[in-house]
Structure formats: C-alpha cells, structure tokens
Protein backbone atom coordinates (compact mmCIF):
# COMPACT_ATOMS: atom_id res chain seq x y z
CA MET A 1 53.93 -51.53 30.95
CA ILE A 2 51.92 -50.87 27.75
CA THR A 3 48.20 -51.66 27.99
CA ALA A 4 45.18 -50.79 25.88
CA GLY A 5 41.43 -50.51 26.28
CA MET A 6 38.97 -50.93 23.41
CA ASP A 7 35.37 -49.77 23.78
CA LEU A 8 33.20 -51.11 20.97
CA GLY A 9 30.06 -49.01 21.33
CA SER A 10 26.95 -49.02 19.20
CA LYS A 11 27.95 -45.80 17.43
CA PHE A 12 31.68 -45.28 18.04
CA ILE A 13 34.72 -47.42 18.75
CA LYS A 14 37.20 -45.83 21.14
CA ILE A 15 40.78 -46.94 21.78
CA VAL A 16 43.03 -45.84 24.64
CA ILE A 17 46.69 -46.82 24.98
CA MET A 18 48.48 -46.39 28.31
CA ASN A 19 52.06 -46.57 29.47
CA ASP A 20 52.20 -47.41 33.19
CA GLY A 21 48.77 -45.86 33.67
CA ASP A 22 49.41 -42.69 31.67
CA VAL A 23 47.34 -42.21 28.51
CA ILE A 24 49.68 -41.85 25.55
CA ALA A 25 47.22 -42.17 22.65
CA ARG A 26 43.51 -42.19 21.83
CA ALA A 27 41.50 -42.91 18.70
CA LYS A 28 37.81 -42.89 17.84
CA MET A 29 35.95 -44.06 14.75
CA LEU A 30 32.32 -44.61 13.75
CA SER A 31 31.48 -48.27 14.35
CA GLY A 32 30.02 -48.86 10.90
CA PHE A 33 28.63 -52.21 9.77
CA GLU A 34 31.86 -54.19 10.25
CA GLN A 35 32.88 -53.45 13.81
CA GLU A 36 35.82 -55.84 13.80
CA VAL A 37 37.37 -54.09 10.79
CA THR A 38 36.75 -50.65 12.28
CA ALA A 39 38.22 -51.76 15.61
CA SER A 40 41.42 -52.89 13.87
CA GLU A 41 41.64 -49.57 12.01
CA ALA A 42 41.09 -47.56 15.20
CA LEU A 43 43.75 -49.58 17.01
CA SER A 44 46.19 -48.99 14.17
CA GLU A 45 45.53 -45.25 14.36
CA ALA A 46 46.11 -45.20 18.12
CA LEU A 47 49.32 -47.21 17.75
CA SER A 48 50.54 -44.78 15.09
CA LYS A 49 49.85 -41.82 17.40
CA ALA A 50 51.77 -43.56 20.19
CA GLY A 51 54.65 -44.55 17.91
CA LEU A 52 54.13 -48.22 18.75
CA GLN A 53 53.63 -51.55 16.99
CA SER A 54 50.82 -53.97 17.84
CA GLY A 55 53.34 -56.30 19.48
CA ASP A 56 54.26 -53.58 21.97
CA ILE A 57 50.90 -53.88 23.71
CA GLU A 58 51.32 -56.30 26.59
CA ARG A 59 47.62 -56.66 27.32
CA LEU A 60 44.40 -55.37 25.75
CA THR A 61 40.97 -55.46 27.38
CA ALA A 62 37.77 -54.93 25.39
CA THR A 63 34.45 -53.56 26.58
CA GLY A 64 31.20 -52.33 25.01
CA VAL A 65 28.38 -54.07 23.18
CA GLY A 66 30.80 -55.44 20.57
CA ARG A 67 33.46 -56.68 22.99
CA SER A 68 32.93 -60.32 22.01
CA ILE A 69 34.31 -59.65 18.51
CA ALA A 70 37.14 -57.32 19.55
CA PRO A 71 40.34 -58.19 17.69
CA PHE A 72 43.55 -58.85 19.65
CA ALA A 73 41.74 -58.69 23.02
CA HIS A 74 43.22 -60.72 25.88
CA ASP A 75 40.31 -60.01 28.23
CA ARG A 76 36.76 -58.69 28.11
CA LEU A 77 35.02 -56.46 30.64
CA THR A 78 31.38 -55.42 30.94
CA GLU A 79 30.43 -51.83 30.16
CA VAL A 80 29.47 -51.35 33.81
CA GLY A 81 32.82 -52.62 35.08
CA ALA A 82 34.78 -50.54 32.59
CA ALA A 83 32.87 -47.35 33.40
CA ALA A 84 33.41 -47.87 37.13
CA ARG A 85 37.15 -48.55 36.78
CA GLY A 86 37.66 -45.59 34.45
CA ALA A 87 35.70 -43.19 36.64
CA ILE A 88 37.53 -44.10 39.86
CA ALA A 89 40.84 -43.68 38.02
CA ARG A 90 39.81 -40.19 36.91
CA LEU A 91 38.53 -39.16 40.35
CA PRO A 92 38.91 -41.51 43.34
CA GLU A 93 36.11 -39.70 45.22
CA THR A 94 33.52 -40.80 42.63
CA ARG A 95 30.71 -42.92 44.07
CA THR A 96 28.03 -42.69 41.36
CA VAL A 97 28.67 -42.94 37.63
CA ILE A 98 25.96 -42.03 35.13
CA ASP A 99 26.88 -43.18 31.63
CA VAL A 100 24.61 -42.07 28.78
CA GLY A 101 25.56 -43.03 25.25
CA ALA A 102 23.93 -43.35 21.86
CA GLU A 103 21.61 -46.27 22.62
CA GLU A 104 21.30 -46.61 26.39
CA GLY A 105 21.97 -45.12 29.78
CA ARG A 106 23.25 -46.72 32.96
CA ALA A 107 23.75 -45.69 36.56
CA ILE A 108 26.47 -47.34 38.62
CA LEU A 109 27.11 -47.18 42.34
CA ILE A 110 30.75 -47.91 43.11
CA THR A 111 32.84 -48.64 46.18
CA PRO A 112 35.92 -46.59 47.18
CA ASP A 113 38.17 -49.15 45.46
CA GLY A 114 36.22 -48.94 42.21
CA HIS A 115 34.18 -52.13 42.42
CA VAL A 116 30.54 -52.14 41.31
CA LYS A 117 28.15 -52.10 44.25
CA ASP A 118 24.93 -51.87 42.22
CA PHE A 119 23.77 -50.69 38.81
CA ALA A 120 20.71 -50.10 36.64
CA ILE A 121 20.40 -49.93 32.86
CA ASN A 122 17.84 -48.13 30.71
CA GLU A 123 18.03 -49.92 27.37
CA LYS A 124 14.39 -50.58 26.45
CA CYS A 125 13.64 -47.18 24.96
CA ALA A 126 15.67 -44.67 22.99
CA ALA A 127 13.99 -41.85 24.95
CA GLY A 128 16.81 -41.96 27.51
CA SER A 129 19.73 -41.87 25.11
CA GLY A 130 21.74 -39.77 22.69
CA THR A 131 19.87 -41.14 19.68
CA PHE A 132 16.66 -39.63 21.04
CA THR A 133 18.34 -36.22 21.37
CA GLU A 134 19.59 -36.38 17.79
CA ALA A 135 16.10 -37.23 16.52
CA MET A 136 14.57 -34.29 18.38
CA ALA A 137 17.30 -31.94 17.09
CA ARG A 138 16.50 -33.02 13.53
CA ALA A 139 12.82 -32.31 14.14
CA LEU A 140 13.79 -28.74 15.05
CA GLU A 141 16.23 -28.54 12.11
CA LEU A 142 19.19 -27.94 14.43
CA ASP A 143 22.55 -29.62 14.79
CA ILE A 144 23.12 -31.44 18.07
CA VAL A 145 25.54 -28.85 19.51
CA GLU A 146 23.21 -25.93 18.78
CA PHE A 147 20.29 -27.94 20.16
CA GLY A 148 22.06 -28.39 23.50
CA ARG A 149 23.13 -24.76 23.77
CA LEU A 150 19.66 -23.51 22.88
CA SER A 151 18.26 -25.27 25.95
CA LEU A 152 20.31 -22.95 28.19
CA GLN A 153 18.39 -19.94 26.86
CA SER A 154 15.08 -21.20 28.26
CA ASP A 155 13.69 -20.25 31.66
CA LYS A 156 10.42 -22.10 31.18
CA ALA A 157 9.68 -25.75 31.96
CA VAL A 158 7.44 -27.28 29.28
CA PRO A 159 6.28 -30.81 30.12
CA MET A 160 6.73 -33.62 27.59
CA ASN A 161 4.48 -36.60 28.19
CA ALA A 162 5.58 -38.99 25.45
CA GLN A 163 7.58 -41.99 26.65
CA CYS A 164 8.54 -43.13 23.15
CA ALA A 165 10.89 -41.44 20.70
CA VAL A 166 8.36 -41.72 17.85
CA PHE A 167 5.53 -40.11 19.83
CA ALA A 168 7.92 -37.53 21.31
CA GLU A 169 8.81 -36.35 17.81
CA SER A 170 5.10 -35.84 17.11
CA GLU A 171 4.83 -33.91 20.37
CA VAL A 172 7.73 -31.67 19.31
CA VAL A 173 5.97 -30.94 16.01
CA SER A 174 2.78 -30.11 17.94
CA LEU A 175 4.71 -27.71 20.17
CA LEU A 176 6.14 -26.02 17.10
CA HIS A 177 2.66 -25.61 15.62
CA ALA A 178 1.60 -24.08 18.93
CA ARG A 179 4.41 -21.53 18.42
CA THR A 180 6.36 -22.73 21.44
CA PRO A 181 9.84 -21.16 21.25
CA LYS A 182 12.54 -23.59 20.14
CA GLN A 183 14.62 -22.95 23.23
CA ASP A 184 11.70 -24.06 25.43
CA ILE A 185 11.22 -27.19 23.33
CA SER A 186 14.92 -27.96 23.58
CA ARG A 187 14.82 -27.64 27.36
CA ALA A 188 11.70 -29.82 27.49
CA VAL A 189 13.48 -32.57 25.57
CA HIS A 190 16.57 -32.45 27.77
CA ASP A 191 14.47 -32.29 30.95
CA ALA A 192 12.54 -35.36 29.79
CA ILE A 193 15.73 -37.35 29.18
CA ALA A 194 17.20 -36.23 32.51
CA SER A 195 14.01 -37.24 34.32
CA ARG A 196 14.23 -40.79 32.94
CA ILE A 197 17.94 -41.10 33.70
CA VAL A 198 17.57 -39.74 37.24
CA SER A 199 14.63 -42.05 37.93
CA MET A 200 16.83 -44.98 36.87
CA ALA A 201 19.78 -43.72 38.95
CA ARG A 202 17.67 -43.41 42.09
CA ARG A 203 16.84 -47.09 41.88
CA VAL A 204 20.45 -47.80 42.83
CA SER A 205 20.88 -44.65 44.97
CA VAL A 206 22.73 -41.46 44.07
CA GLU A 207 25.78 -40.84 46.25
CA ARG A 208 28.31 -38.04 45.89
CA GLU A 209 30.49 -37.52 44.03
CA VAL A 210 28.47 -38.03 40.81
CA MET A 211 30.31 -38.28 37.49
CA ILE A 212 28.59 -38.04 34.10
CA ILE A 213 30.30 -39.88 31.25
CA GLY A 214 29.45 -41.04 27.73
CA GLY A 215 28.70 -39.03 24.61
CA MET A 216 25.76 -37.19 26.20
CA ALA A 217 28.14 -35.60 28.71
CA TYR A 218 29.23 -33.27 25.87
CA ASN A 219 25.67 -31.90 25.68
CA VAL A 220 25.49 -28.78 27.85
CA GLY A 221 21.69 -28.79 27.77
CA PHE A 222 21.55 -32.32 29.13
CA ILE A 223 24.06 -31.53 31.89
CA ALA A 224 22.01 -28.48 32.94
CA SER A 225 18.84 -30.60 33.06
CA MET A 226 20.61 -33.29 35.08
CA LYS A 227 21.79 -30.70 37.62
CA ARG A 228 18.24 -29.42 38.02
CA ALA A 229 16.80 -32.92 38.36
CA LEU A 230 19.39 -34.07 40.90
CA GLU A 231 19.70 -30.69 42.61
CA MET A 232 23.46 -31.00 42.88
CA GLU A 233 26.67 -30.20 41.03
CA LEU A 234 28.04 -32.91 38.75
CA ILE A 235 31.51 -33.90 37.63
CA VAL A 236 31.97 -33.85 33.86
CA PRO A 237 35.50 -35.04 33.04
CA ASP A 238 37.49 -34.17 29.94
CA ASP A 239 36.86 -36.59 27.05
CA PRO A 240 33.92 -38.19 28.91
CA ASP A 241 33.20 -40.76 26.22
CA TYR A 242 36.69 -42.26 26.60
CA VAL A 243 36.26 -43.14 30.28
CA PRO A 244 35.09 -46.77 29.68
CA ALA A 245 37.97 -47.39 27.25
CA GLU A 246 40.35 -46.02 29.88
CA GLY A 247 38.72 -48.30 32.43
CA ALA A 248 39.37 -51.25 30.14
CA ALA A 249 43.02 -50.19 29.76
CA TRP A 250 43.29 -49.92 33.55
CA ALA A 251 41.78 -53.41 33.87
CA ALA A 252 44.51 -54.71 31.56
CA HIS A 253 47.10 -52.90 33.70
CA ASP A 254 45.62 -54.40 36.89
CA LYS A 255 45.76 -57.87 35.34
CA LEU A 256 49.44 -57.53 34.48
CA VAL A 257 50.28 -56.25 37.96
CA GLY A 258 48.42 -59.20 39.48
CA MET A 259 50.24 -61.65 37.24
CA GLU A 260 53.59 -60.15 38.22
CA LYS A 261 52.76 -60.44 41.92
CA THR A 262 51.71 -64.07 41.48
CA GLU A 263 54.92 -64.84 39.61
CA LEU A 264 57.02 -63.28 42.39
CA LYS A 265 55.22 -65.32 45.03
CA GLU A 266 55.87 -68.55 43.13
CA ARG A 267 59.60 -67.94 42.88
C-alpha cells in the first residue's frame, strides 16, 4: 500500500512516501513563489528516490498552509490533524505536541488514539516562530545554527520585554551597545520565544509525553529554553520537520484501510 503525505509550509514543502506505513522516501524544497510548481518538483524527487512513478501512489493527503493548491492530492488535512497523527505514529505515548515552524507555533493535546482533543495557535506575531529567531541571528551577525549553540554557553537570564519582532531587534542592538555578551543575548531570545510558546501551550494543558516538532526543533538553544520553561524533559524526534508530512501519509493509509474494510463488508 503506497501512500504519500505533502506538507506545503510557508517556507518549505516536505514530501513523505510510505509503503505499508514504512517511510521509503523523503524530499524537501523551499516553497518559493509558485508553491504548486515546487510541490510537483518535490514529489518527483521523492518518487525518484523511492524508485516509483506517480501512478504508483494509491492515495496522497496534503497538509500545511498551501494544502488547497496541492497537486495530485486526494484528501486534505489540517496542520493540527497532521501533526497529531504523525506524532502518535512516531511515539504512541505522546499526549502533547508543540509544533513551531517558520511563521507560527501551535500546541496540540491529543488522545491515546491520536485524535485532537484541544489546540492553540500563535500566528499573530512572528515573535514565537522560526522567522523571529533568524532575524535575531542576523542582528548578531551569526548563522542560525551558531546562534542556537551559542545560547547553551550562557548561564545568565537576561529579560527581553519586546513583544514584536521589530522592537525586539532594536532591543538586541541596545543589548549589544551595553556590551552584553552575545551568548546571553542568544539565550534571552530563545527564552523569550519559549515563554510565548509555553504560555500558549498551557492554555490547552501540557500533558506528558511532550513532543517538539517543526523546524525550530533543530535549534538546540530553543529546546534548552523550552526545557527550562516547562521544567521537564522533551521528546525531539529525528527529522522533526517531517512529522506533519508523515501524519498526512498516515492519514492516506488510514483512508485506504477504511475503504478496504467498507468494501469487504459490502461483499
């Protein structure tokens, strides 16, 4: 049973192809200005890696902000639903999923069978997203990986009061002029993001086990700040930004299984 999941995010498009629930190929490309074209190219790359043709995919489910324009999609699934399904497939004990990507963050409370019990989304301000982190890294003239690692060298909590990315950048410049060490500024930025994400997550409740997914899960500074804010260990899976695409592929798999069961009943 060949299924695929397509996550059309604001910055990247991710494709996952599965064979009976096992991932056999992945592909990721920058979304660009023509998401539909990029999605087709990413799917072609994933098919090539899997040694398959487009006709071999029995069902494809799309998710993400661009899911409405996903080519070849049979079904569409919300980002929240895809994240929940992908997380429970990775680790059945997961009860809270925190998904932080380029433009927004979301917290999802899920049931033991992977259904969404409640969720909250922080999409009004970039200050709780990966884009904010990138802007602050540029202000310090660091690449994003170095910026995250630098945060781990700090043992000092420096408060950041700005709630807007534009004002926060000015605050970073002011801290630099005050000769605040870069590692302390980096920690301050990550602590500020974590504080906003945790505040959002607590609106829906935080229940163990907690899994962090999305592009920000690669940022070691952010993960450290999240652990401090939540005062607990967190699960960071391999390839955390592919979890929603995997959830979409699992949704396609579930749909096929359901159709087969219905067909057997009708015989």
